[in-house]
Amino acid sequence: MKVHYTGRPAPFSESQDRKLDAKFHKCHKILGLGQDLESHVTVSRQRHKFDAEITLRALHHTLVVSGSGMDAFHAVQEAADKLTQQVVRNKHKLIDVRRHQSQRAAQVQTAPPEEVEADEPETQHDGEKTDGLIRSNNVAAKPMTVEEAMLQIEEVGGEHLTYRDAQSGDLRVLLRRRDGRLELIEAS
């Protein structure tokens, strides 16, 4: 994050600069390290106290905070603390949540099958609304054993496979867990 100072009466010491840089880096980390953010710090003096105002333009929003203290560093530090609190409080408003349909669909597909339900309707490639339901054609055509299903899921590299058991005829789902192991779900 780039920080521009205006009206600073004297340069801060190295330790003071490190403290302020840490506070601005925390705000930058919360808002996203990929973003190129700039903040403008204005320091003014009124009789025996200093006033600092920090303006941060982030993701089409402007955050303005102010602080005051007996010296310039304490005024800027107080304003930086308030900025951090405001960034944390408004983080979800500031982060750009409007994604393309393809990104939103990819995010839903990576979720486990139990978490597929969504509040807003999704649109498939053919334009059909599915109300958060993702249709999958990852079903084996012929009955197979557990070993055959494990081989097929390894060949395809998929995350799940639905098949009929060759011996019992029951419906089964083979899932790849996050740790890489396979889990078998038997429907009875």
N, C-alpha and C. Protein backbone atom coordinates (compact mmCIF):
# COMPACT_ATOMS: atom_id res chain seq x y z
N MET A 1 0.85 -1.16 0.00
CA MET A 1 0.00 0.00 0.00
C MET A 1 0.89 1.23 0.00
N LYS A 2 0.57 2.17 -0.86
CA LYS A 2 1.31 3.42 -0.92
C LYS A 2 0.65 4.43 0.01
N VAL A 3 1.47 5.08 0.83
CA VAL A 3 0.97 6.06 1.79
C VAL A 3 1.60 7.40 1.47
N HIS A 4 0.77 8.41 1.25
CA HIS A 4 1.24 9.76 0.96
C HIS A 4 0.91 10.65 2.15
N TYR A 5 1.91 11.37 2.62
CA TYR A 5 1.74 12.26 3.78
C TYR A 5 1.70 13.71 3.30
N THR A 6 0.81 14.51 3.91
CA THR A 6 0.72 15.94 3.64
C THR A 6 0.68 16.66 4.98
N GLY A 7 1.49 17.70 5.12
CA GLY A 7 1.45 18.53 6.31
C GLY A 7 2.14 17.94 7.51
N ARG A 8 2.98 16.96 7.33
CA ARG A 8 3.68 16.36 8.46
C ARG A 8 4.78 17.32 8.90
N PRO A 9 4.79 17.74 10.17
CA PRO A 9 5.74 18.76 10.60
C PRO A 9 7.19 18.27 10.63
N ALA A 10 7.41 17.03 10.97
CA ALA A 10 8.77 16.47 11.03
C ALA A 10 8.69 15.00 10.67
N PRO A 11 9.76 14.46 10.09
CA PRO A 11 9.72 13.03 9.76
C PRO A 11 9.64 12.17 11.02
N PHE A 12 8.96 11.02 10.89
CA PHE A 12 8.86 10.09 12.00
C PHE A 12 10.14 9.29 12.11
N SER A 13 10.39 8.75 13.30
CA SER A 13 11.57 7.89 13.48
C SER A 13 11.32 6.55 12.77
N GLU A 14 12.38 5.75 12.65
CA GLU A 14 12.26 4.46 11.95
C GLU A 14 11.28 3.54 12.66
N SER A 15 11.31 3.50 13.98
CA SER A 15 10.40 2.62 14.72
C SER A 15 8.95 3.08 14.55
N GLN A 16 8.73 4.39 14.52
CA GLN A 16 7.38 4.90 14.31
C GLN A 16 6.89 4.58 12.90
N ASP A 17 7.79 4.71 11.90
CA ASP A 17 7.43 4.36 10.53
C ASP A 17 7.07 2.88 10.42
N ARG A 18 7.82 2.01 11.11
CA ARG A 18 7.53 0.57 11.06
C ARG A 18 6.16 0.27 11.67
N LYS A 19 5.84 0.94 12.77
CA LYS A 19 4.54 0.72 13.41
C LYS A 19 3.40 1.13 12.50
N LEU A 20 3.55 2.30 11.87
CA LEU A 20 2.49 2.76 10.97
C LEU A 20 2.40 1.88 9.72
N ASP A 21 3.55 1.46 9.19
CA ASP A 21 3.55 0.58 8.02
C ASP A 21 2.86 -0.74 8.34
N ALA A 22 3.05 -1.25 9.56
CA ALA A 22 2.40 -2.51 9.96
C ALA A 22 0.89 -2.34 9.99
N LYS A 23 0.41 -1.20 10.47
CA LYS A 23 -1.03 -0.96 10.52
C LYS A 23 -1.61 -0.83 9.11
N PHE A 24 -0.90 -0.11 8.23
CA PHE A 24 -1.39 0.02 6.86
C PHE A 24 -1.30 -1.32 6.12
N HIS A 25 -0.28 -2.12 6.41
CA HIS A 25 -0.16 -3.44 5.78
C HIS A 25 -1.30 -4.35 6.21
N LYS A 26 -1.74 -4.24 7.47
CA LYS A 26 -2.86 -5.05 7.94
C LYS A 26 -4.13 -4.71 7.16
N CYS A 27 -4.37 -3.42 6.94
CA CYS A 27 -5.53 -3.01 6.13
C CYS A 27 -5.42 -3.53 4.72
N HIS A 28 -4.21 -3.46 4.17
CA HIS A 28 -3.98 -3.94 2.81
C HIS A 28 -4.20 -5.44 2.72
N LYS A 29 -3.80 -6.16 3.74
CA LYS A 29 -3.96 -7.61 3.77
C LYS A 29 -5.44 -7.98 3.84
N ILE A 30 -6.21 -7.25 4.62
CA ILE A 30 -7.64 -7.53 4.76
C ILE A 30 -8.37 -7.27 3.45
N LEU A 31 -8.01 -6.20 2.77
CA LEU A 31 -8.69 -5.84 1.53
C LEU A 31 -8.20 -6.62 0.33
N GLY A 32 -7.10 -7.31 0.45
CA GLY A 32 -6.59 -8.12 -0.65
C GLY A 32 -5.24 -7.63 -1.10
N LEU A 33 -4.26 -8.53 -1.03
CA LEU A 33 -2.89 -8.15 -1.39
C LEU A 33 -2.74 -7.89 -2.88
N GLY A 34 -3.65 -8.43 -3.69
CA GLY A 34 -3.56 -8.24 -5.14
C GLY A 34 -3.97 -6.84 -5.58
N GLN A 35 -4.62 -6.11 -4.70
CA GLN A 35 -5.09 -4.77 -5.04
C GLN A 35 -3.97 -3.76 -4.84
N ASP A 36 -3.92 -2.76 -5.71
CA ASP A 36 -2.96 -1.67 -5.58
C ASP A 36 -3.69 -0.51 -4.90
N LEU A 37 -3.47 -0.36 -3.59
CA LEU A 37 -4.20 0.62 -2.80
C LEU A 37 -3.31 1.80 -2.45
N GLU A 38 -3.93 2.98 -2.33
CA GLU A 38 -3.22 4.19 -1.91
C GLU A 38 -4.01 4.85 -0.81
N SER A 39 -3.29 5.38 0.16
CA SER A 39 -3.94 6.15 1.22
C SER A 39 -3.25 7.50 1.33
N HIS A 40 -4.01 8.48 1.73
CA HIS A 40 -3.50 9.83 1.84
C HIS A 40 -3.68 10.29 3.29
N VAL A 41 -2.58 10.65 3.95
CA VAL A 41 -2.60 11.08 5.35
C VAL A 41 -2.36 12.58 5.39
N THR A 42 -3.28 13.31 5.99
CA THR A 42 -3.14 14.75 6.15
C THR A 42 -3.02 15.07 7.63
N VAL A 43 -1.93 15.75 7.99
CA VAL A 43 -1.68 16.11 9.39
C VAL A 43 -1.78 17.63 9.50
N SER A 44 -2.56 18.08 10.47
CA SER A 44 -2.68 19.52 10.71
C SER A 44 -2.52 19.78 12.21
N ARG A 45 -2.13 21.03 12.53
CA ARG A 45 -1.89 21.38 13.93
C ARG A 45 -2.86 22.49 14.32
N GLN A 46 -3.48 22.30 15.47
CA GLN A 46 -4.37 23.32 16.01
C GLN A 46 -3.97 23.56 17.46
N ARG A 47 -3.35 24.66 17.69
CA ARG A 47 -2.83 25.05 19.00
C ARG A 47 -1.93 23.98 19.59
N HIS A 48 -2.41 23.21 20.56
CA HIS A 48 -1.56 22.25 21.26
C HIS A 48 -1.81 20.80 20.86
N LYS A 49 -2.61 20.57 19.85
CA LYS A 49 -2.85 19.19 19.44
C LYS A 49 -2.75 19.08 17.92
N PHE A 50 -2.50 17.84 17.51
CA PHE A 50 -2.40 17.53 16.09
C PHE A 50 -3.63 16.72 15.68
N ASP A 51 -4.11 16.99 14.47
CA ASP A 51 -5.22 16.23 13.89
C ASP A 51 -4.69 15.52 12.65
N ALA A 52 -5.07 14.25 12.51
CA ALA A 52 -4.67 13.46 11.34
C ALA A 52 -5.92 12.91 10.68
N GLU A 53 -5.94 12.95 9.38
CA GLU A 53 -7.05 12.41 8.62
C GLU A 53 -6.48 11.47 7.56
N ILE A 54 -7.00 10.26 7.52
CA ILE A 54 -6.55 9.26 6.54
C ILE A 54 -7.69 8.99 5.58
N THR A 55 -7.40 9.11 4.29
CA THR A 55 -8.36 8.81 3.24
C THR A 55 -7.84 7.62 2.46
N LEU A 56 -8.64 6.55 2.40
CA LEU A 56 -8.26 5.33 1.69
C LEU A 56 -9.30 5.05 0.63
N ARG A 57 -8.85 5.00 -0.61
CA ARG A 57 -9.74 4.67 -1.73
C ARG A 57 -9.51 3.20 -2.04
N ALA A 58 -10.52 2.37 -1.77
CA ALA A 58 -10.38 0.93 -1.96
C ALA A 58 -11.61 0.36 -2.65
N LEU A 59 -11.39 -0.24 -3.80
CA LEU A 59 -12.43 -0.99 -4.50
C LEU A 59 -13.72 -0.18 -4.68
N HIS A 60 -13.61 1.00 -5.23
CA HIS A 60 -14.74 1.89 -5.53
C HIS A 60 -15.42 2.43 -4.29
N HIS A 61 -14.75 2.40 -3.16
CA HIS A 61 -15.26 2.97 -1.91
C HIS A 61 -14.18 3.87 -1.32
N THR A 62 -14.61 4.88 -0.58
CA THR A 62 -13.67 5.77 0.08
C THR A 62 -13.90 5.69 1.58
N LEU A 63 -12.83 5.41 2.31
CA LEU A 63 -12.88 5.37 3.77
C LEU A 63 -12.13 6.58 4.28
N VAL A 64 -12.75 7.33 5.18
CA VAL A 64 -12.12 8.52 5.77
C VAL A 64 -12.23 8.38 7.28
N VAL A 65 -11.08 8.47 7.95
CA VAL A 65 -11.03 8.43 9.42
C VAL A 65 -10.16 9.56 9.91
N SER A 66 -10.36 9.94 11.16
CA SER A 66 -9.54 11.01 11.73
C SER A 66 -9.16 10.63 13.15
N GLY A 67 -8.07 11.23 13.59
CA GLY A 67 -7.57 11.02 14.94
C GLY A 67 -6.85 12.26 15.41
N SER A 68 -6.72 12.38 16.72
CA SER A 68 -6.02 13.55 17.26
C SER A 68 -5.14 13.10 18.41
N GLY A 69 -4.07 13.87 18.66
CA GLY A 69 -3.14 13.54 19.72
C GLY A 69 -2.25 14.71 20.03
N MET A 70 -1.41 14.52 21.04
CA MET A 70 -0.52 15.59 21.46
C MET A 70 0.66 15.77 20.50
N ASP A 71 0.99 14.74 19.72
CA ASP A 71 2.00 14.91 18.67
C ASP A 71 1.49 14.24 17.40
N ALA A 72 2.18 14.48 16.30
CA ALA A 72 1.72 14.02 14.99
C ALA A 72 1.65 12.49 14.92
N PHE A 73 2.64 11.80 15.49
CA PHE A 73 2.66 10.35 15.41
C PHE A 73 1.43 9.74 16.11
N HIS A 74 1.11 10.21 17.30
CA HIS A 74 -0.04 9.66 18.02
C HIS A 74 -1.35 9.95 17.30
N ALA A 75 -1.45 11.08 16.66
CA ALA A 75 -2.65 11.40 15.89
C ALA A 75 -2.80 10.45 14.70
N VAL A 76 -1.70 10.21 13.98
CA VAL A 76 -1.74 9.30 12.83
C VAL A 76 -1.99 7.87 13.30
N GLN A 77 -1.39 7.49 14.42
CA GLN A 77 -1.57 6.14 14.94
C GLN A 77 -3.03 5.90 15.34
N GLU A 78 -3.65 6.88 15.98
CA GLU A 78 -5.06 6.75 16.35
C GLU A 78 -5.94 6.63 15.11
N ALA A 79 -5.65 7.44 14.10
CA ALA A 79 -6.43 7.37 12.86
C ALA A 79 -6.21 6.02 12.16
N ALA A 80 -4.99 5.49 12.18
CA ALA A 80 -4.71 4.19 11.56
C ALA A 80 -5.44 3.07 12.29
N ASP A 81 -5.54 3.15 13.61
CA ASP A 81 -6.31 2.17 14.37
C ASP A 81 -7.78 2.21 13.97
N LYS A 82 -8.31 3.41 13.85
CA LYS A 82 -9.72 3.56 13.44
C LYS A 82 -9.93 3.03 12.01
N LEU A 83 -8.94 3.26 11.14
CA LEU A 83 -9.04 2.76 9.78
C LEU A 83 -9.07 1.24 9.77
N THR A 84 -8.24 0.60 10.58
CA THR A 84 -8.22 -0.86 10.65
C THR A 84 -9.57 -1.38 11.13
N GLN A 85 -10.14 -0.74 12.15
CA GLN A 85 -11.45 -1.15 12.64
C GLN A 85 -12.53 -1.00 11.58
N GLN A 86 -12.46 0.10 10.84
CA GLN A 86 -13.46 0.34 9.80
C GLN A 86 -13.31 -0.64 8.65
N VAL A 87 -12.09 -0.99 8.30
CA VAL A 87 -11.86 -1.96 7.23
C VAL A 87 -12.39 -3.33 7.64
N VAL A 88 -12.12 -3.72 8.89
CA VAL A 88 -12.62 -5.02 9.37
C VAL A 88 -14.14 -5.03 9.39
N ARG A 89 -14.74 -3.96 9.85
CA ARG A 89 -16.19 -3.88 9.97
C ARG A 89 -16.87 -3.90 8.59
N ASN A 90 -16.27 -3.24 7.61
CA ASN A 90 -16.89 -3.12 6.29
C ASN A 90 -16.23 -3.99 5.23
N LYS A 91 -15.50 -5.00 5.64
CA LYS A 91 -14.74 -5.84 4.71
C LYS A 91 -15.63 -6.44 3.62
N HIS A 92 -16.78 -6.97 4.01
CA HIS A 92 -17.64 -7.64 3.05
C HIS A 92 -18.28 -6.66 2.08
N LYS A 93 -18.46 -5.42 2.49
CA LYS A 93 -18.99 -4.42 1.58
C LYS A 93 -17.93 -3.96 0.59
N LEU A 94 -16.68 -3.95 1.04
CA LEU A 94 -15.60 -3.42 0.21
C LEU A 94 -15.11 -4.43 -0.83
N ILE A 95 -15.14 -5.71 -0.47
CA ILE A 95 -14.65 -6.71 -1.41
C ILE A 95 -15.66 -6.85 -2.53
N ASP A 96 -15.18 -6.90 -3.73
CA ASP A 96 -16.05 -6.96 -4.90
C ASP A 96 -16.69 -8.33 -4.97
N VAL A 97 -18.00 -8.41 -4.66
CA VAL A 97 -18.69 -9.70 -4.65
C VAL A 97 -19.40 -9.99 -5.97
N ARG A 98 -19.37 -9.08 -6.88
CA ARG A 98 -20.01 -9.31 -8.17
C ARG A 98 -19.04 -10.04 -9.08
N ARG A 99 -19.26 -11.32 -9.18
CA ARG A 99 -18.39 -12.15 -10.00
C ARG A 99 -19.13 -12.57 -11.26
N HIS A 100 -18.38 -13.04 -12.22
CA HIS A 100 -19.00 -13.56 -13.43
C HIS A 100 -19.71 -14.86 -13.10
N GLN A 101 -20.69 -15.22 -13.91
CA GLN A 101 -21.44 -16.45 -13.67
C GLN A 101 -20.53 -17.67 -13.67
N SER A 102 -19.51 -17.69 -14.53
CA SER A 102 -18.62 -18.85 -14.60
C SER A 102 -17.84 -19.01 -13.30
N GLN A 103 -17.40 -17.91 -12.69
CA GLN A 103 -16.68 -17.99 -11.42
C GLN A 103 -17.60 -18.45 -10.31
N ARG A 104 -18.83 -17.96 -10.29
CA ARG A 104 -19.77 -18.35 -9.25
C ARG A 104 -20.12 -19.83 -9.39
N ALA A 105 -20.31 -20.32 -10.62
CA ALA A 105 -20.63 -21.73 -10.83
C ALA A 105 -19.45 -22.61 -10.43
N ALA A 106 -18.22 -22.16 -10.72
CA ALA A 106 -17.04 -22.94 -10.34
C ALA A 106 -16.92 -23.00 -8.83
N GLN A 107 -17.28 -21.94 -8.13
CA GLN A 107 -17.22 -21.93 -6.67
C GLN A 107 -18.24 -22.90 -6.09
N VAL A 108 -19.43 -22.97 -6.67
CA VAL A 108 -20.47 -23.88 -6.17
C VAL A 108 -20.08 -25.32 -6.47
N GLN A 109 -19.47 -25.60 -7.62
CA GLN A 109 -19.11 -26.96 -7.98
C GLN A 109 -18.02 -27.51 -7.09
N THR A 110 -17.14 -26.67 -6.56
CA THR A 110 -16.07 -27.16 -5.71
C THR A 110 -16.57 -27.47 -4.31
N ALA A 111 -17.78 -27.04 -3.96
CA ALA A 111 -18.32 -27.33 -2.64
C ALA A 111 -18.74 -28.79 -2.57
N PRO A 112 -18.71 -29.40 -1.38
CA PRO A 112 -19.19 -30.77 -1.25
C PRO A 112 -20.66 -30.86 -1.63
N PRO A 113 -21.16 -32.04 -1.98
CA PRO A 113 -22.54 -32.16 -2.44
C PRO A 113 -23.56 -31.69 -1.42
N GLU A 114 -23.27 -31.76 -0.12
CA GLU A 114 -24.24 -31.33 0.89
C GLU A 114 -24.40 -29.82 0.90
N GLU A 115 -23.41 -29.06 0.43
CA GLU A 115 -23.44 -27.60 0.50
C GLU A 115 -23.82 -26.95 -0.82
N VAL A 116 -24.47 -27.67 -1.72
CA VAL A 116 -24.75 -27.17 -3.06
C VAL A 116 -25.91 -26.18 -3.05
N GLU A 117 -26.77 -26.19 -2.05
CA GLU A 117 -27.91 -25.31 -2.04
C GLU A 117 -27.47 -23.85 -2.03
N ALA A 118 -28.12 -23.03 -2.84
CA ALA A 118 -27.77 -21.61 -2.91
C ALA A 118 -29.05 -20.79 -2.83
N ASP A 119 -28.91 -19.52 -2.43
CA ASP A 119 -30.07 -18.65 -2.29
C ASP A 119 -30.52 -18.06 -3.62
N GLU A 120 -29.58 -17.81 -4.50
CA GLU A 120 -29.94 -17.17 -5.75
C GLU A 120 -29.88 -18.19 -6.89
N PRO A 121 -30.74 -18.05 -7.88
CA PRO A 121 -30.76 -19.02 -8.97
C PRO A 121 -29.50 -18.92 -9.83
N GLU A 122 -29.00 -20.07 -10.21
CA GLU A 122 -27.84 -20.15 -11.10
C GLU A 122 -28.34 -20.34 -12.52
N THR A 123 -27.53 -19.99 -13.48
CA THR A 123 -27.87 -20.17 -14.88
C THR A 123 -26.87 -21.13 -15.49
N GLN A 124 -27.35 -22.18 -16.13
CA GLN A 124 -26.46 -23.10 -16.81
C GLN A 124 -26.10 -22.54 -18.16
N HIS A 125 -25.22 -23.27 -18.89
CA HIS A 125 -24.77 -22.79 -20.19
C HIS A 125 -25.91 -22.67 -21.20
N ASP A 126 -26.93 -23.51 -21.07
CA ASP A 126 -28.03 -23.44 -22.02
C ASP A 126 -29.11 -22.45 -21.57
N GLY A 127 -28.89 -21.75 -20.45
CA GLY A 127 -29.82 -20.72 -20.02
C GLY A 127 -30.91 -21.21 -19.09
N GLU A 128 -30.90 -22.47 -18.70
CA GLU A 128 -31.93 -23.02 -17.84
C GLU A 128 -31.62 -22.69 -16.38
N LYS A 129 -32.60 -22.14 -15.66
CA LYS A 129 -32.39 -21.81 -14.25
C LYS A 129 -32.58 -23.07 -13.43
N THR A 130 -31.67 -23.26 -12.47
CA THR A 130 -31.73 -24.49 -11.69
C THR A 130 -31.90 -24.24 -10.21
N ASP A 131 -32.02 -23.00 -9.77
CA ASP A 131 -32.20 -22.67 -8.35
C ASP A 131 -31.15 -23.30 -7.47
N GLY A 132 -29.88 -23.18 -7.85
CA GLY A 132 -28.78 -23.66 -7.01
C GLY A 132 -28.46 -25.13 -7.18
N LEU A 133 -29.17 -25.84 -8.02
CA LEU A 133 -28.95 -27.26 -8.22
C LEU A 133 -28.03 -27.46 -9.41
N ILE A 134 -27.00 -28.25 -9.21
CA ILE A 134 -26.07 -28.55 -10.29
C ILE A 134 -26.30 -29.98 -10.71
N ARG A 135 -26.60 -30.17 -11.97
CA ARG A 135 -26.84 -31.51 -12.47
C ARG A 135 -25.52 -32.12 -12.93
N SER A 136 -25.32 -33.36 -12.56
CA SER A 136 -24.09 -34.05 -12.90
C SER A 136 -24.44 -35.35 -13.61
N ASN A 137 -23.71 -35.63 -14.66
CA ASN A 137 -23.92 -36.88 -15.37
C ASN A 137 -22.78 -37.86 -15.08
N ASN A 138 -22.22 -37.76 -13.89
CA ASN A 138 -21.11 -38.62 -13.49
C ASN A 138 -21.66 -39.89 -12.85
N VAL A 139 -22.44 -40.65 -13.62
CA VAL A 139 -23.05 -41.89 -13.16
C VAL A 139 -22.57 -43.01 -14.07
N ALA A 140 -22.12 -44.09 -13.46
CA ALA A 140 -21.65 -45.23 -14.25
C ALA A 140 -22.84 -45.91 -14.91
N ALA A 141 -22.70 -46.29 -16.18
CA ALA A 141 -23.79 -46.89 -16.95
C ALA A 141 -24.03 -48.34 -16.55
N LYS A 142 -22.99 -49.06 -16.20
CA LYS A 142 -23.15 -50.48 -15.88
C LYS A 142 -22.85 -50.72 -14.41
N PRO A 143 -23.42 -51.76 -13.81
CA PRO A 143 -23.08 -52.09 -12.43
C PRO A 143 -21.61 -52.48 -12.32
N MET A 144 -20.99 -52.14 -11.20
CA MET A 144 -19.57 -52.44 -11.02
C MET A 144 -19.27 -52.71 -9.55
N THR A 145 -18.09 -53.22 -9.31
CA THR A 145 -17.63 -53.47 -7.95
C THR A 145 -16.93 -52.22 -7.42
N VAL A 146 -16.60 -52.24 -6.13
CA VAL A 146 -15.93 -51.11 -5.50
C VAL A 146 -14.56 -50.90 -6.14
N GLU A 147 -13.85 -51.99 -6.44
CA GLU A 147 -12.52 -51.88 -7.04
C GLU A 147 -12.58 -51.24 -8.42
N GLU A 148 -13.59 -51.63 -9.22
CA GLU A 148 -13.76 -51.04 -10.56
C GLU A 148 -14.09 -49.55 -10.45
N ALA A 149 -14.91 -49.20 -9.48
CA ALA A 149 -15.26 -47.79 -9.28
C ALA A 149 -14.03 -46.99 -8.86
N MET A 150 -13.18 -47.57 -8.01
CA MET A 150 -11.96 -46.87 -7.60
C MET A 150 -11.04 -46.66 -8.78
N LEU A 151 -10.92 -47.66 -9.65
CA LEU A 151 -10.09 -47.51 -10.85
C LEU A 151 -10.64 -46.43 -11.76
N GLN A 152 -11.97 -46.41 -11.94
CA GLN A 152 -12.57 -45.43 -12.85
C GLN A 152 -12.43 -44.01 -12.31
N ILE A 153 -12.60 -43.80 -11.01
CA ILE A 153 -12.46 -42.45 -10.47
C ILE A 153 -11.01 -41.98 -10.55
N GLU A 154 -10.06 -42.90 -10.45
CA GLU A 154 -8.64 -42.55 -10.62
C GLU A 154 -8.34 -42.19 -12.06
N GLU A 155 -8.90 -42.93 -13.02
CA GLU A 155 -8.67 -42.65 -14.44
C GLU A 155 -9.25 -41.30 -14.84
N VAL A 156 -10.48 -41.05 -14.42
CA VAL A 156 -11.16 -39.81 -14.79
C VAL A 156 -10.60 -38.63 -14.03
N GLY A 157 -10.16 -38.87 -12.78
CA GLY A 157 -9.66 -37.79 -11.95
C GLY A 157 -10.77 -36.94 -11.35
N GLY A 158 -11.96 -37.51 -11.25
CA GLY A 158 -13.09 -36.78 -10.72
C GLY A 158 -13.11 -36.77 -9.20
N GLU A 159 -14.08 -36.04 -8.67
CA GLU A 159 -14.22 -35.95 -7.22
C GLU A 159 -15.28 -36.89 -6.69
N HIS A 160 -16.19 -37.37 -7.56
CA HIS A 160 -17.21 -38.31 -7.11
C HIS A 160 -17.65 -39.18 -8.27
N LEU A 161 -18.20 -40.34 -7.93
CA LEU A 161 -18.73 -41.28 -8.93
C LEU A 161 -19.92 -41.98 -8.31
N THR A 162 -21.05 -41.97 -9.00
CA THR A 162 -22.24 -42.68 -8.56
C THR A 162 -22.38 -43.94 -9.40
N TYR A 163 -22.59 -45.08 -8.76
CA TYR A 163 -22.69 -46.35 -9.50
C TYR A 163 -23.59 -47.31 -8.74
N ARG A 164 -24.00 -48.39 -9.45
CA ARG A 164 -24.76 -49.48 -8.84
C ARG A 164 -23.80 -50.61 -8.52
N ASP A 165 -23.96 -51.16 -7.34
CA ASP A 165 -23.11 -52.26 -6.92
C ASP A 165 -23.49 -53.50 -7.73
N ALA A 166 -22.49 -54.22 -8.21
CA ALA A 166 -22.72 -55.38 -9.06
C ALA A 166 -23.39 -56.52 -8.30
N GLN A 167 -23.10 -56.69 -7.03
CA GLN A 167 -23.64 -57.81 -6.27
C GLN A 167 -25.03 -57.52 -5.71
N SER A 168 -25.18 -56.38 -5.05
CA SER A 168 -26.45 -56.10 -4.37
C SER A 168 -27.41 -55.25 -5.20
N GLY A 169 -26.91 -54.51 -6.17
CA GLY A 169 -27.75 -53.63 -6.99
C GLY A 169 -28.08 -52.32 -6.31
N ASP A 170 -27.49 -52.07 -5.12
CA ASP A 170 -27.73 -50.82 -4.40
C ASP A 170 -26.97 -49.67 -5.04
N LEU A 171 -27.48 -48.48 -4.84
CA LEU A 171 -26.85 -47.27 -5.34
C LEU A 171 -25.75 -46.87 -4.37
N ARG A 172 -24.56 -46.54 -4.89
CA ARG A 172 -23.42 -46.15 -4.05
C ARG A 172 -22.74 -44.93 -4.67
N VAL A 173 -22.12 -44.13 -3.79
CA VAL A 173 -21.38 -42.95 -4.23
C VAL A 173 -19.97 -43.07 -3.69
N LEU A 174 -19.00 -42.88 -4.55
CA LEU A 174 -17.60 -42.89 -4.17
C LEU A 174 -17.09 -41.46 -4.26
N LEU A 175 -16.63 -40.90 -3.11
CA LEU A 175 -16.19 -39.51 -3.04
C LEU A 175 -14.70 -39.44 -2.77
N ARG A 176 -14.05 -38.43 -3.36
CA ARG A 176 -12.65 -38.15 -3.01
C ARG A 176 -12.66 -37.06 -1.96
N ARG A 177 -12.13 -37.37 -0.78
CA ARG A 177 -12.08 -36.41 0.32
C ARG A 177 -10.97 -35.40 0.09
N ARG A 178 -10.95 -34.35 0.90
CA ARG A 178 -9.95 -33.30 0.76
C ARG A 178 -8.54 -33.81 1.04
N ASP A 179 -8.43 -34.84 1.87
CA ASP A 179 -7.10 -35.37 2.17
C ASP A 179 -6.64 -36.36 1.11
N GLY A 180 -7.43 -36.58 0.06
CA GLY A 180 -7.03 -37.45 -1.05
C GLY A 180 -7.55 -38.86 -0.94
N ARG A 181 -8.07 -39.26 0.21
CA ARG A 181 -8.58 -40.61 0.40
C ARG A 181 -9.97 -40.71 -0.20
N LEU A 182 -10.41 -41.94 -0.50
CA LEU A 182 -11.72 -42.18 -1.07
C LEU A 182 -12.69 -42.60 0.02
N GLU A 183 -13.95 -42.14 -0.10
CA GLU A 183 -14.98 -42.47 0.87
C GLU A 183 -16.15 -43.09 0.11
N LEU A 184 -16.68 -44.18 0.63
CA LEU A 184 -17.79 -44.89 0.01
C LEU A 184 -19.06 -44.63 0.80
N ILE A 185 -20.10 -44.17 0.10
CA ILE A 185 -21.42 -43.93 0.71
C ILE A 185 -22.37 -44.93 0.12
N GLU A 186 -22.99 -45.72 1.00
CA GLU A 186 -23.92 -46.76 0.56
C GLU A 186 -25.33 -46.32 0.86
N ALA A 187 -26.19 -46.34 -0.15
CA ALA A 187 -27.61 -46.03 0.04
C ALA A 187 -28.34 -47.34 0.31
N SER A 188 -29.14 -47.36 1.35
CA SER A 188 -29.83 -48.61 1.67
C SER A 188 -31.33 -48.42 1.60
